[in-house]
Amino acid sequence: MKTKFAKKGDTLIVSVHGRLDAITAPDFESECAGRINGGELFLIADFSGLEYISSAGLRSILQIAKKLRQRKGDITFCGLSSMVENVFSISGFATMFSIHESLDKALLDRER
């Protein structure tokens, strides 16, 4: 898994490529937690490069969301492949989080 962070206004964009599984989820969670501890409140997770997500990946997302919400922040997702979108739907994440088809649409929604 590779992550890339970029800042747009008050929003931190994290682009994830590869697999978010039991091996990579702790690093993803740690990287995001470090940014949140540094003051970031609004994250957009661009999953257009994400090939696979496991239950460990879902748990790391929940931990990140919990940390953000404790600080009055939020996380939004975009660019989900059909497999990742299916996992989000089955797990209930599709109703718990805001999901957009593209980064541009997620940023537009964030600006409102």
PDB file of N, CA and C in Angstrom:
ATOM      1  N   MET A   1       0.833  -1.168   0.000  1.00  0.00           N
ATOM      2  CA  MET A   1       0.000   0.000   0.000  1.00  0.00           C
ATOM      3  C   MET A   1       0.885   1.240   0.000  1.00  0.00           C
ATOM      4  N   LYS A   2       0.481   2.213  -0.774  1.00  0.00           N
ATOM      5  CA  LYS A   2       1.149   3.505  -0.786  1.00  0.00           C
ATOM      6  C   LYS A   2       0.109   4.578  -0.493  1.00  0.00           C
ATOM      7  N   THR A   3       0.513   5.558   0.306  1.00  0.00           N
ATOM      8  CA  THR A   3      -0.371   6.687   0.584  1.00  0.00           C
ATOM      9  C   THR A   3       0.334   7.972   0.184  1.00  0.00           C
ATOM     10  N   LYS A   4      -0.472   8.914  -0.255  1.00  0.00           N
ATOM     11  CA  LYS A   4       0.036  10.231  -0.617  1.00  0.00           C
ATOM     12  C   LYS A   4      -0.919  11.255  -0.017  1.00  0.00           C
ATOM     13  N   PHE A   5      -0.353  12.235   0.663  1.00  0.00           N
ATOM     14  CA  PHE A   5      -1.169  13.268   1.302  1.00  0.00           C
ATOM     15  C   PHE A   5      -1.034  14.580   0.542  1.00  0.00           C
ATOM     16  N   ALA A   6      -2.151  15.282   0.413  1.00  0.00           N
ATOM     17  CA  ALA A   6      -2.165  16.604  -0.210  1.00  0.00           C
ATOM     18  C   ALA A   6      -3.177  17.462   0.539  1.00  0.00           C
ATOM     19  N   LYS A   7      -2.945  18.752   0.554  1.00  0.00           N
ATOM     20  CA  LYS A   7      -3.812  19.682   1.285  1.00  0.00           C
ATOM     21  C   LYS A   7      -4.558  20.558   0.282  1.00  0.00           C
ATOM     22  N   LYS A   8      -5.863  20.698   0.488  1.00  0.00           N
ATOM     23  CA  LYS A   8      -6.690  21.590  -0.325  1.00  0.00           C
ATOM     24  C   LYS A   8      -7.565  22.385   0.639  1.00  0.00           C
ATOM     25  N   GLY A   9      -7.209  23.645   0.862  1.00  0.00           N
ATOM     26  CA  GLY A   9      -7.932  24.445   1.849  1.00  0.00           C
ATOM     27  C   GLY A   9      -7.750  23.847   3.229  1.00  0.00           C
ATOM     28  N   ASP A  10      -8.872  23.610   3.915  1.00  0.00           N
ATOM     29  CA  ASP A  10      -8.799  23.012   5.256  1.00  0.00           C
ATOM     30  C   ASP A  10      -8.980  21.493   5.217  1.00  0.00           C
ATOM     31  N   THR A  11      -8.888  20.919   4.018  1.00  0.00           N
ATOM     32  CA  THR A  11      -9.128  19.491   3.841  1.00  0.00           C
ATOM     33  C   THR A  11      -7.837  18.768   3.482  1.00  0.00           C
ATOM     34  N   LEU A  12      -7.596  17.651   4.154  1.00  0.00           N
ATOM     35  CA  LEU A  12      -6.453  16.802   3.853  1.00  0.00           C
ATOM     36  C   LEU A  12      -6.942  15.650   2.976  1.00  0.00           C
ATOM     37  N   ILE A  13      -6.299  15.483   1.840  1.00  0.00           N
ATOM     38  CA  ILE A  13      -6.649  14.400   0.923  1.00  0.00           C
ATOM     39  C   ILE A  13      -5.599  13.310   1.073  1.00  0.00           C
ATOM     40  N   VAL A  14      -6.057  12.093   1.337  1.00  0.00           N
ATOM     41  CA  VAL A  14      -5.144  10.958   1.406  1.00  0.00           C
ATOM     42  C   VAL A  14      -5.519  10.004   0.275  1.00  0.00           C
ATOM     43  N   SER A  15      -4.597   9.835  -0.657  1.00  0.00           N
ATOM     44  CA  SER A  15      -4.790   8.918  -1.775  1.00  0.00           C
ATOM     45  C   SER A  15      -4.149   7.594  -1.412  1.00  0.00           C
ATOM     46  N   VAL A  16      -4.919   6.528  -1.532  1.00  0.00           N
ATOM     47  CA  VAL A  16      -4.455   5.203  -1.133  1.00  0.00           C
ATOM     48  C   VAL A  16      -4.383   4.307  -2.372  1.00  0.00           C
ATOM     49  N   HIS A  17      -3.243   3.631  -2.540  1.00  0.00           N
ATOM     50  CA  HIS A  17      -3.036   2.734  -3.673  1.00  0.00           C
ATOM     51  C   HIS A  17      -2.597   1.371  -3.154  1.00  0.00           C
ATOM     52  N   GLY A  18      -3.177   0.336  -3.725  1.00  0.00           N
ATOM     53  CA  GLY A  18      -2.798  -1.013  -3.346  1.00  0.00           C
ATOM     54  C   GLY A  18      -3.873  -1.685  -2.513  1.00  0.00           C
ATOM     55  N   ARG A  19      -3.432  -2.331  -1.440  1.00  0.00           N
ATOM     56  CA  ARG A  19      -4.329  -3.112  -0.587  1.00  0.00           C
ATOM     57  C   ARG A  19      -4.363  -2.526   0.823  1.00  0.00           C
ATOM     58  N   LEU A  20      -5.555  -2.474   1.388  1.00  0.00           N
ATOM     59  CA  LEU A  20      -5.725  -2.041   2.777  1.00  0.00           C
ATOM     60  C   LEU A  20      -6.198  -3.279   3.538  1.00  0.00           C
ATOM     61  N   ASP A  21      -5.240  -3.975   4.133  1.00  0.00           N
ATOM     62  CA  ASP A  21      -5.517  -5.260   4.768  1.00  0.00           C
ATOM     63  C   ASP A  21      -4.826  -5.341   6.128  1.00  0.00           C
ATOM     64  N   ALA A  22      -4.780  -6.524   6.696  1.00  0.00           N
ATOM     65  CA  ALA A  22      -4.208  -6.699   8.040  1.00  0.00           C
ATOM     66  C   ALA A  22      -2.749  -6.258   8.114  1.00  0.00           C
ATOM     67  N   ILE A  23      -2.042  -6.329   7.014  1.00  0.00           N
ATOM     68  CA  ILE A  23      -0.635  -5.943   7.005  1.00  0.00           C
ATOM     69  C   ILE A  23      -0.472  -4.427   6.879  1.00  0.00           C
ATOM     70  N   THR A  24      -1.289  -3.798   6.040  1.00  0.00           N
ATOM     71  CA  THR A  24      -1.105  -2.373   5.744  1.00  0.00           C
ATOM     72  C   THR A  24      -2.005  -1.442   6.554  1.00  0.00           C
ATOM     73  N   ALA A  25      -3.110  -1.948   7.081  1.00  0.00           N
ATOM     74  CA  ALA A  25      -4.056  -1.092   7.812  1.00  0.00           C
ATOM     75  C   ALA A  25      -3.427  -0.379   9.010  1.00  0.00           C
ATOM     76  N   PRO A  26      -2.577  -1.041   9.809  1.00  0.00           N
ATOM     77  CA  PRO A  26      -1.971  -0.319  10.938  1.00  0.00           C
ATOM     78  C   PRO A  26      -1.148   0.900  10.495  1.00  0.00           C
ATOM     79  N   ASP A  27      -0.434   0.772   9.380  1.00  0.00           N
ATOM     80  CA  ASP A  27       0.337   1.916   8.870  1.00  0.00           C
ATOM     81  C   ASP A  27      -0.584   3.033   8.396  1.00  0.00           C
ATOM     82  N   PHE A  28      -1.648   2.664   7.688  1.00  0.00           N
ATOM     83  CA  PHE A  28      -2.624   3.656   7.229  1.00  0.00           C
ATOM     84  C   PHE A  28      -3.226   4.404   8.411  1.00  0.00           C
ATOM     85  N   GLU A  29      -3.653   3.645   9.414  1.00  0.00           N
ATOM     86  CA  GLU A  29      -4.257   4.255  10.601  1.00  0.00           C
ATOM     87  C   GLU A  29      -3.261   5.159  11.318  1.00  0.00           C
ATOM     88  N   SER A  30      -2.027   4.701  11.447  1.00  0.00           N
ATOM     89  CA  SER A  30      -0.997   5.477  12.128  1.00  0.00           C
ATOM     90  C   SER A  30      -0.681   6.778  11.379  1.00  0.00           C
ATOM     91  N   GLU A  31      -0.549   6.688  10.052  1.00  0.00           N
ATOM     92  CA  GLU A  31      -0.266   7.879   9.254  1.00  0.00           C
ATOM     93  C   GLU A  31      -1.391   8.909   9.387  1.00  0.00           C
ATOM     94  N   CYS A  32      -2.624   8.450   9.297  1.00  0.00           N
ATOM     95  CA  CYS A  32      -3.770   9.364   9.416  1.00  0.00           C
ATOM     96  C   CYS A  32      -3.877   9.920  10.836  1.00  0.00           C
ATOM     97  N   ALA A  33      -3.667   9.077  11.833  1.00  0.00           N
ATOM     98  CA  ALA A  33      -3.740   9.532  13.228  1.00  0.00           C
ATOM     99  C   ALA A  33      -2.695  10.599  13.501  1.00  0.00           C
ATOM    100  N   GLY A  34      -1.505  10.435  12.939  1.00  0.00           N
ATOM    101  CA  GLY A  34      -0.461  11.447  13.106  1.00  0.00           C
ATOM    102  C   GLY A  34      -0.895  12.791  12.542  1.00  0.00           C
ATOM    103  N   ARG A  35      -1.543  12.766  11.395  1.00  0.00           N
ATOM    104  CA  ARG A  35      -2.035  14.012  10.788  1.00  0.00           C
ATOM    105  C   ARG A  35      -3.165  14.618  11.613  1.00  0.00           C
ATOM    106  N   ILE A  36      -4.038  13.766  12.132  1.00  0.00           N
ATOM    107  CA  ILE A  36      -5.152  14.246  12.965  1.00  0.00           C
ATOM    108  C   ILE A  36      -4.601  14.846  14.256  1.00  0.00           C
ATOM    109  N   ASN A  37      -3.647  14.167  14.856  1.00  0.00           N
ATOM    110  CA  ASN A  37      -3.015  14.693  16.077  1.00  0.00           C
ATOM    111  C   ASN A  37      -2.301  16.013  15.804  1.00  0.00           C
ATOM    112  N   GLY A  38      -1.898  16.210  14.552  1.00  0.00           N
ATOM    113  CA  GLY A  38      -1.256  17.456  14.147  1.00  0.00           C
ATOM    114  C   GLY A  38      -2.241  18.575  13.843  1.00  0.00           C
ATOM    115  N   GLY A  39      -3.542  18.275  13.967  1.00  0.00           N
ATOM    116  CA  GLY A  39      -4.544  19.322  13.803  1.00  0.00           C
ATOM    117  C   GLY A  39      -5.486  19.178  12.626  1.00  0.00           C
ATOM    118  N   GLU A  40      -5.280  18.181  11.787  1.00  0.00           N
ATOM    119  CA  GLU A  40      -6.192  17.991  10.653  1.00  0.00           C
ATOM    120  C   GLU A  40      -7.547  17.513  11.157  1.00  0.00           C
ATOM    121  N   LEU A  41      -8.615  18.091  10.620  1.00  0.00           N
ATOM    122  CA  LEU A  41      -9.967  17.722  11.040  1.00  0.00           C
ATOM    123  C   LEU A  41     -10.817  17.130   9.925  1.00  0.00           C
ATOM    124  N   PHE A  42     -10.498  17.469   8.681  1.00  0.00           N
ATOM    125  CA  PHE A  42     -11.333  17.041   7.561  1.00  0.00           C
ATOM    126  C   PHE A  42     -10.488  16.276   6.557  1.00  0.00           C
ATOM    127  N   LEU A  43     -10.833  14.999   6.376  1.00  0.00           N
ATOM    128  CA  LEU A  43     -10.102  14.122   5.472  1.00  0.00           C
ATOM    129  C   LEU A  43     -11.002  13.660   4.337  1.00  0.00           C
ATOM    130  N   ILE A  44     -10.422  13.608   3.154  1.00  0.00           N
ATOM    131  CA  ILE A  44     -11.049  12.913   2.032  1.00  0.00           C
ATOM    132  C   ILE A  44     -10.114  11.760   1.696  1.00  0.00           C
ATOM    133  N   ALA A  45     -10.640  10.553   1.763  1.00  0.00           N
ATOM    134  CA  ALA A  45      -9.860   9.370   1.396  1.00  0.00           C
ATOM    135  C   ALA A  45     -10.182   9.030  -0.044  1.00  0.00           C
ATOM    136  N   ASP A  46      -9.211   9.243  -0.916  1.00  0.00           N
ATOM    137  CA  ASP A  46      -9.367   8.931  -2.335  1.00  0.00           C
ATOM    138  C   ASP A  46      -8.935   7.483  -2.538  1.00  0.00           C
ATOM    139  N   PHE A  47      -9.917   6.623  -2.741  1.00  0.00           N
ATOM    140  CA  PHE A  47      -9.661   5.191  -2.868  1.00  0.00           C
ATOM    141  C   PHE A  47      -9.658   4.746  -4.326  1.00  0.00           C
ATOM    142  N   SER A  48      -9.466   5.662  -5.269  1.00  0.00           N
ATOM    143  CA  SER A  48      -9.487   5.281  -6.685  1.00  0.00           C
ATOM    144  C   SER A  48      -8.355   4.312  -7.026  1.00  0.00           C
ATOM    145  N   GLY A  49      -7.299   4.277  -6.239  1.00  0.00           N
ATOM    146  CA  GLY A  49      -6.202   3.348  -6.456  1.00  0.00           C
ATOM    147  C   GLY A  49      -6.229   2.143  -5.532  1.00  0.00           C
ATOM    148  N   LEU A  50      -7.292   2.042  -4.726  1.00  0.00           N
ATOM    149  CA  LEU A  50      -7.390   0.928  -3.775  1.00  0.00           C
ATOM    150  C   LEU A  50      -7.932  -0.308  -4.482  1.00  0.00           C
ATOM    151  N   GLU A  51      -7.170  -1.384  -4.433  1.00  0.00           N
ATOM    152  CA  GLU A  51      -7.541  -2.621  -5.111  1.00  0.00           C
ATOM    153  C   GLU A  51      -8.346  -3.565  -4.218  1.00  0.00           C
ATOM    154  N   TYR A  52      -8.105  -3.488  -2.905  1.00  0.00           N
ATOM    155  CA  TYR A  52      -8.706  -4.462  -1.985  1.00  0.00           C
ATOM    156  C   TYR A  52      -8.778  -3.847  -0.603  1.00  0.00           C
ATOM    157  N   ILE A  53      -9.861  -4.157   0.122  1.00  0.00           N
ATOM    158  CA  ILE A  53      -9.969  -3.747   1.524  1.00  0.00           C
ATOM    159  C   ILE A  53     -10.509  -4.921   2.333  1.00  0.00           C
ATOM    160  N   SER A  54      -9.898  -5.167   3.472  1.00  0.00           N
ATOM    161  CA  SER A  54     -10.312  -6.265   4.354  1.00  0.00           C
ATOM    162  C   SER A  54     -11.007  -5.699   5.584  1.00  0.00           C
ATOM    163  N   SER A  55     -11.428  -6.587   6.468  1.00  0.00           N
ATOM    164  CA  SER A  55     -12.061  -6.144   7.711  1.00  0.00           C
ATOM    165  C   SER A  55     -11.074  -5.334   8.559  1.00  0.00           C
ATOM    166  N   ALA A  56      -9.796  -5.641   8.455  1.00  0.00           N
ATOM    167  CA  ALA A  56      -8.792  -4.851   9.188  1.00  0.00           C
ATOM    168  C   ALA A  56      -8.746  -3.425   8.640  1.00  0.00           C
ATOM    169  N   GLY A  57      -8.880  -3.281   7.337  1.00  0.00           N
ATOM    170  CA  GLY A  57      -8.943  -1.955   6.731  1.00  0.00           C
ATOM    171  C   GLY A  57     -10.175  -1.193   7.185  1.00  0.00           C
ATOM    172  N   LEU A  58     -11.298  -1.893   7.267  1.00  0.00           N
ATOM    173  CA  LEU A  58     -12.532  -1.262   7.746  1.00  0.00           C
ATOM    174  C   LEU A  58     -12.388  -0.814   9.198  1.00  0.00           C
ATOM    175  N   ARG A  59     -11.744  -1.635  10.016  1.00  0.00           N
ATOM    176  CA  ARG A  59     -11.527  -1.264  11.423  1.00  0.00           C
ATOM    177  C   ARG A  59     -10.654  -0.018  11.529  1.00  0.00           C
ATOM    178  N   SER A  60      -9.634   0.076  10.693  1.00  0.00           N
ATOM    179  CA  SER A  60      -8.771   1.253  10.743  1.00  0.00           C
ATOM    180  C   SER A  60      -9.545   2.505  10.342  1.00  0.00           C
ATOM    181  N   ILE A  61     -10.433   2.382   9.388  1.00  0.00           N
ATOM    182  CA  ILE A  61     -11.282   3.513   8.992  1.00  0.00           C
ATOM    183  C   ILE A  61     -12.166   3.939  10.158  1.00  0.00           C
ATOM    184  N   LEU A  62     -12.739   2.968  10.844  1.00  0.00           N
ATOM    185  CA  LEU A  62     -13.589   3.297  12.001  1.00  0.00           C
ATOM    186  C   LEU A  62     -12.798   4.033  13.082  1.00  0.00           C
ATOM    187  N   GLN A  63     -11.575   3.611  13.327  1.00  0.00           N
ATOM    188  CA  GLN A  63     -10.744   4.273  14.335  1.00  0.00           C
ATOM    189  C   GLN A  63     -10.409   5.708  13.928  1.00  0.00           C
ATOM    190  N   ILE A  64     -10.106   5.890  12.650  1.00  0.00           N
ATOM    191  CA  ILE A  64      -9.812   7.233  12.142  1.00  0.00           C
ATOM    192  C   ILE A  64     -11.048   8.114  12.257  1.00  0.00           C
ATOM    193  N   ALA A  65     -12.203   7.586  11.856  1.00  0.00           N
ATOM    194  CA  ALA A  65     -13.453   8.354  11.928  1.00  0.00           C
ATOM    195  C   ALA A  65     -13.783   8.726  13.368  1.00  0.00           C
ATOM    196  N   LYS A  66     -13.578   7.793  14.285  1.00  0.00           N
ATOM    197  CA  LYS A  66     -13.847   8.056  15.698  1.00  0.00           C
ATOM    198  C   LYS A  66     -12.959   9.188  16.215  1.00  0.00           C
ATOM    199  N   LYS A  67     -11.689   9.133  15.870  1.00  0.00           N
ATOM    200  CA  LYS A  67     -10.747  10.167  16.296  1.00  0.00           C
ATOM    201  C   LYS A  67     -11.145  11.532  15.727  1.00  0.00           C
ATOM    202  N   LEU A  68     -11.544  11.547  14.465  1.00  0.00           N
ATOM    203  CA  LEU A  68     -11.966  12.812  13.843  1.00  0.00           C
ATOM    204  C   LEU A  68     -13.239  13.356  14.483  1.00  0.00           C
ATOM    205  N   ARG A  69     -14.205  12.505  14.693  1.00  0.00           N
ATOM    206  CA  ARG A  69     -15.491  12.951  15.239  1.00  0.00           C
ATOM    207  C   ARG A  69     -15.360  13.431  16.675  1.00  0.00           C
ATOM    208  N   GLN A  70     -14.419  12.873  17.428  1.00  0.00           N
ATOM    209  CA  GLN A  70     -14.163  13.369  18.775  1.00  0.00           C
ATOM    210  C   GLN A  70     -13.665  14.801  18.745  1.00  0.00           C
ATOM    211  N   ARG A  71     -13.053  15.168  17.639  1.00  0.00           N
ATOM    212  CA  ARG A  71     -12.506  16.520  17.483  1.00  0.00           C
ATOM    213  C   ARG A  71     -13.408  17.405  16.616  1.00  0.00           C
ATOM    214  N   LYS A  72     -14.636  16.936  16.342  1.00  0.00           N
ATOM    215  CA  LYS A  72     -15.604  17.645  15.501  1.00  0.00           C
ATOM    216  C   LYS A  72     -15.174  17.690  14.036  1.00  0.00           C
ATOM    217  N   GLY A  73     -14.434  16.680  13.600  1.00  0.00           N
ATOM    218  CA  GLY A  73     -14.020  16.569  12.212  1.00  0.00           C
ATOM    219  C   GLY A  73     -14.816  15.496  11.498  1.00  0.00           C
ATOM    220  N   ASP A  74     -14.375  15.158  10.281  1.00  0.00           N
ATOM    221  CA  ASP A  74     -15.110  14.169   9.495  1.00  0.00           C
ATOM    222  C   ASP A  74     -14.215  13.577   8.409  1.00  0.00           C
ATOM    223  N   ILE A  75     -14.620  12.420   7.908  1.00  0.00           N
ATOM    224  CA  ILE A  75     -13.934  11.771   6.800  1.00  0.00           C
ATOM    225  C   ILE A  75     -14.957  11.465   5.713  1.00  0.00           C
ATOM    226  N   THR A  76     -14.538  11.673   4.470  1.00  0.00           N
ATOM    227  CA  THR A  76     -15.352  11.415   3.287  1.00  0.00           C
ATOM    228  C   THR A  76     -14.535  10.516   2.365  1.00  0.00           C
ATOM    229  N   PHE A  77     -15.225   9.732   1.549  1.00  0.00           N
ATOM    230  CA  PHE A  77     -14.556   8.803   0.650  1.00  0.00           C
ATOM    231  C   PHE A  77     -14.930   9.094  -0.798  1.00  0.00           C
ATOM    232  N   CYS A  78     -14.003   8.791  -1.701  1.00  0.00           N
ATOM    233  CA  CYS A  78     -14.295   8.950  -3.123  1.00  0.00           C
ATOM    234  C   CYS A  78     -13.515   7.929  -3.928  1.00  0.00           C
ATOM    235  N   GLY A  79     -13.980   7.722  -5.161  1.00  0.00           N
ATOM    236  CA  GLY A  79     -13.259   6.877  -6.104  1.00  0.00           C
ATOM    237  C   GLY A  79     -13.270   5.395  -5.778  1.00  0.00           C
ATOM    238  N   LEU A  80     -14.332   4.907  -5.158  1.00  0.00           N
ATOM    239  CA  LEU A  80     -14.376   3.499  -4.785  1.00  0.00           C
ATOM    240  C   LEU A  80     -14.568   2.614  -6.013  1.00  0.00           C
ATOM    241  N   SER A  81     -13.741   1.578  -6.137  1.00  0.00           N
ATOM    242  CA  SER A  81     -13.935   0.580  -7.187  1.00  0.00           C
ATOM    243  C   SER A  81     -15.200  -0.210  -6.843  1.00  0.00           C
ATOM    244  N   SER A  82     -15.677  -0.986  -7.787  1.00  0.00           N
ATOM    245  CA  SER A  82     -16.898  -1.750  -7.525  1.00  0.00           C
ATOM    246  C   SER A  82     -16.711  -2.732  -6.368  1.00  0.00           C
ATOM    247  N   MET A  83     -15.513  -3.332  -6.243  1.00  0.00           N
ATOM    248  CA  MET A  83     -15.261  -4.275  -5.146  1.00  0.00           C
ATOM    249  C   MET A  83     -15.277  -3.549  -3.804  1.00  0.00           C
ATOM    250  N   VAL A  84     -14.592  -2.417  -3.721  1.00  0.00           N
ATOM    251  CA  VAL A  84     -14.541  -1.671  -2.465  1.00  0.00           C
ATOM    252  C   VAL A  84     -15.927  -1.111  -2.138  1.00  0.00           C
ATOM    253  N   GLU A  85     -16.628  -0.640  -3.155  1.00  0.00           N
ATOM    254  CA  GLU A  85     -17.989  -0.134  -2.950  1.00  0.00           C
ATOM    255  C   GLU A  85     -18.903  -1.237  -2.422  1.00  0.00           C
ATOM    256  N   ASN A  86     -18.732  -2.445  -2.924  1.00  0.00           N
ATOM    257  CA  ASN A  86     -19.526  -3.582  -2.463  1.00  0.00           C
ATOM    258  C   ASN A  86     -19.228  -3.892  -0.993  1.00  0.00           C
ATOM    259  N   VAL A  87     -17.963  -3.863  -0.611  1.00  0.00           N
ATOM    260  CA  VAL A  87     -17.583  -4.101   0.784  1.00  0.00           C
ATOM    261  C   VAL A  87     -18.175  -3.004   1.680  1.00  0.00           C
ATOM    262  N   PHE A  88     -18.120  -1.757   1.233  1.00  0.00           N
ATOM    263  CA  PHE A  88     -18.709  -0.648   1.996  1.00  0.00           C
ATOM    264  C   PHE A  88     -20.211  -0.859   2.155  1.00  0.00           C
ATOM    265  N   SER A  89     -20.862  -1.312   1.111  1.00  0.00           N
ATOM    266  CA  SER A  89     -22.305  -1.531   1.159  1.00  0.00           C
ATOM    267  C   SER A  89     -22.667  -2.670   2.115  1.00  0.00           C
ATOM    268  N   ILE A  90     -21.990  -3.795   1.989  1.00  0.00           N
ATOM    269  CA  ILE A  90     -22.274  -4.965   2.835  1.00  0.00           C
ATOM    270  C   ILE A  90     -21.995  -4.673   4.308  1.00  0.00           C
ATOM    271  N   SER A  91     -20.939  -3.908   4.572  1.00  0.00           N
ATOM    272  CA  SER A  91     -20.541  -3.630   5.952  1.00  0.00           C
ATOM    273  C   SER A  91     -21.346  -2.506   6.598  1.00  0.00           C
ATOM    274  N   GLY A  92     -22.137  -1.794   5.806  1.00  0.00           N
ATOM    275  CA  GLY A  92     -22.909  -0.674   6.341  1.00  0.00           C
ATOM    276  C   GLY A  92     -22.175   0.657   6.269  1.00  0.00           C
ATOM    277  N   PHE A  93     -20.944   0.643   5.782  1.00  0.00           N
ATOM    278  CA  PHE A  93     -20.168   1.883   5.688  1.00  0.00           C
ATOM    279  C   PHE A  93     -20.805   2.867   4.715  1.00  0.00           C
ATOM    280  N   ALA A  94     -21.511   2.353   3.709  1.00  0.00           N
ATOM    281  CA  ALA A  94     -22.133   3.219   2.705  1.00  0.00           C
ATOM    282  C   ALA A  94     -23.199   4.119   3.324  1.00  0.00           C
ATOM    283  N   THR A  95     -23.759   3.704   4.440  1.00  0.00           N
ATOM    284  CA  THR A  95     -24.758   4.540   5.122  1.00  0.00           C
ATOM    285  C   THR A  95     -24.144   5.364   6.249  1.00  0.00           C
ATOM    286  N   MET A  96     -22.945   5.002   6.665  1.00  0.00           N
ATOM    287  CA  MET A  96     -22.285   5.703   7.774  1.00  0.00           C
ATOM    288  C   MET A  96     -21.447   6.886   7.313  1.00  0.00           C
ATOM    289  N   PHE A  97     -20.987   6.843   6.056  1.00  0.00           N
ATOM    290  CA  PHE A  97     -20.047   7.844   5.552  1.00  0.00           C
ATOM    291  C   PHE A  97     -20.539   8.450   4.250  1.00  0.00           C
ATOM    292  N   SER A  98     -20.064   9.637   3.983  1.00  0.00           N
ATOM    293  CA  SER A  98     -20.333  10.305   2.716  1.00  0.00           C
ATOM    294  C   SER A  98     -19.374   9.742   1.669  1.00  0.00           C
ATOM    295  N   ILE A  99     -19.935   9.313   0.536  1.00  0.00           N
ATOM    296  CA  ILE A  99     -19.143   8.705  -0.532  1.00  0.00           C
ATOM    297  C   ILE A  99     -19.463   9.415  -1.842  1.00  0.00           C
ATOM    298  N   HIS A 100     -18.412   9.781  -2.568  1.00  0.00           N
ATOM    299  CA  HIS A 100     -18.566  10.465  -3.846  1.00  0.00           C
ATOM    300  C   HIS A 100     -17.837   9.696  -4.927  1.00  0.00           C
ATOM    301  N   GLU A 101     -18.290   9.861  -6.171  1.00  0.00           N
ATOM    302  CA  GLU A 101     -17.667   9.103  -7.252  1.00  0.00           C
ATOM    303  C   GLU A 101     -16.292   9.636  -7.634  1.00  0.00           C
ATOM    304  N   SER A 102     -16.031  10.915  -7.355  1.00  0.00           N
ATOM    305  CA  SER A 102     -14.724  11.479  -7.725  1.00  0.00           C
ATOM    306  C   SER A 102     -14.223  12.428  -6.646  1.00  0.00           C
ATOM    307  N   LEU A 103     -12.931  12.704  -6.698  1.00  0.00           N
ATOM    308  CA  LEU A 103     -12.325  13.649  -5.766  1.00  0.00           C
ATOM    309  C   LEU A 103     -12.911  15.040  -5.969  1.00  0.00           C
ATOM    310  N   ASP A 104     -13.115  15.436  -7.216  1.00  0.00           N
ATOM    311  CA  ASP A 104     -13.699  16.758  -7.491  1.00  0.00           C
ATOM    312  C   ASP A 104     -15.056  16.917  -6.831  1.00  0.00           C
ATOM    313  N   LYS A 105     -15.898  15.892  -6.919  1.00  0.00           N
ATOM    314  CA  LYS A 105     -17.229  15.963  -6.305  1.00  0.00           C
ATOM    315  C   LYS A 105     -17.135  15.969  -4.785  1.00  0.00           C
ATOM    316  N   ALA A 106     -16.195  15.228  -4.236  1.00  0.00           N
ATOM    317  CA  ALA A 106     -16.003  15.235  -2.781  1.00  0.00           C
ATOM    318  C   ALA A 106     -15.544  16.611  -2.307  1.00  0.00           C
ATOM    319  N   LEU A 107     -14.645  17.234  -3.052  1.00  0.00           N
ATOM    320  CA  LEU A 107     -14.177  18.576  -2.689  1.00  0.00           C
ATOM    321  C   LEU A 107     -15.296  19.607  -2.806  1.00  0.00           C
ATOM    322  N   LEU A 108     -16.115  19.507  -3.838  1.00  0.00           N
ATOM    323  CA  LEU A 108     -17.259  20.421  -3.989  1.00  0.00           C
ATOM    324  C   LEU A 108     -18.215  20.280  -2.810  1.00  0.00           C
ATOM    325  N   ASP A 109     -18.495  19.040  -2.417  1.00  0.00           N
ATOM    326  CA  ASP A 109     -19.390  18.817  -1.286  1.00  0.00           C
ATOM    327  C   ASP A 109     -18.781  19.352  -0.004  1.00  0.00           C
ATOM    328  N   ARG A 110     -17.493  19.213   0.148  1.00  0.00           N
ATOM    329  CA  ARG A 110     -16.776  19.700   1.337  1.00  0.00           C
ATOM    330  C   ARG A 110     -16.834  21.228   1.452  1.00  0.00           C
ATOM    331  N   GLU A 111     -16.845  21.898   0.308  1.00  0.00           N
ATOM    332  CA  GLU A 111     -16.879  23.369   0.294  1.00  0.00           C
ATOM    333  C   GLU A 111     -18.246  23.919   0.682  1.00  0.00           C
ATOM    334  N   ARG A 112     -19.278  23.116   0.615  1.00  0.00           N
ATOM    335  CA  ARG A 112     -20.648  23.591   0.930  1.00  0.00           C
ATOM    336  C   ARG A 112     -20.867  23.697   2.408  1.00  0.00           C
TER     337      ARG A 112
END
